[in-house]
Amino acid sequence: MQVVELDADGVVADRLERQNADMAAAGNDGITQETYPAAFKGVIAVGASQDPEGGRACFSNHGSWVDACAPGRSVHSTFFNVVATPEQIPPGCLPGPPPGQQQFEWFATWSGTSFAAPCVAGAIAARMTEQNVDAVQAAFQLVHANGRPQHPDGDLGTIVACGGGVD
């Protein structure tokens, strides 16, 4: 069994198999319109919250089609050792990066639903290990089972916490 995170360039049709928990980032346009591959049936659409207790991140796509959310704003992560010009999405949503190029030295701080999705994938994988269930069962327990905390905005699905053990 496996957990698969899909991105916009991924091939979805071949991955929608019952033994997989397929998920995709909901997108960073701050809109309610369904986006794909996240909105495909059988794919867990992951939006971004500001922080574990915060509201929806201003950039996160949202709506009844989004299944889960996790923190996706200001996530410190690994990156290339490179000089690059950061982009802001959508414009005016977050404080802008300094103008021009910046030096990144193996780490960077990012915002986006693509940084929330690995948190959900990790929580499903942890549940698989700790409860000895397959990916589909773990995803259902984590995302769709009754009694799971729902995001207060009502349009980001189940709240998934990052780090720590399985609740």
Foldseek 3Di string as FASTA:
>chain_A
DAEEEDEPPDDVPVVLDLLYAYEYEQFFAQEQDGDPPHQDPRYAYEWAACALQGAGQNRTHWAPSHFEYEHFFFAKDFDDQDKDADDDPPPPRDPDDPPDIDGDDGIDTGGGSVRTVVQLRVLLVLCCVVVVDTSNVSNCVQGPDPPADAHPVNINGGYGYGDDHHD
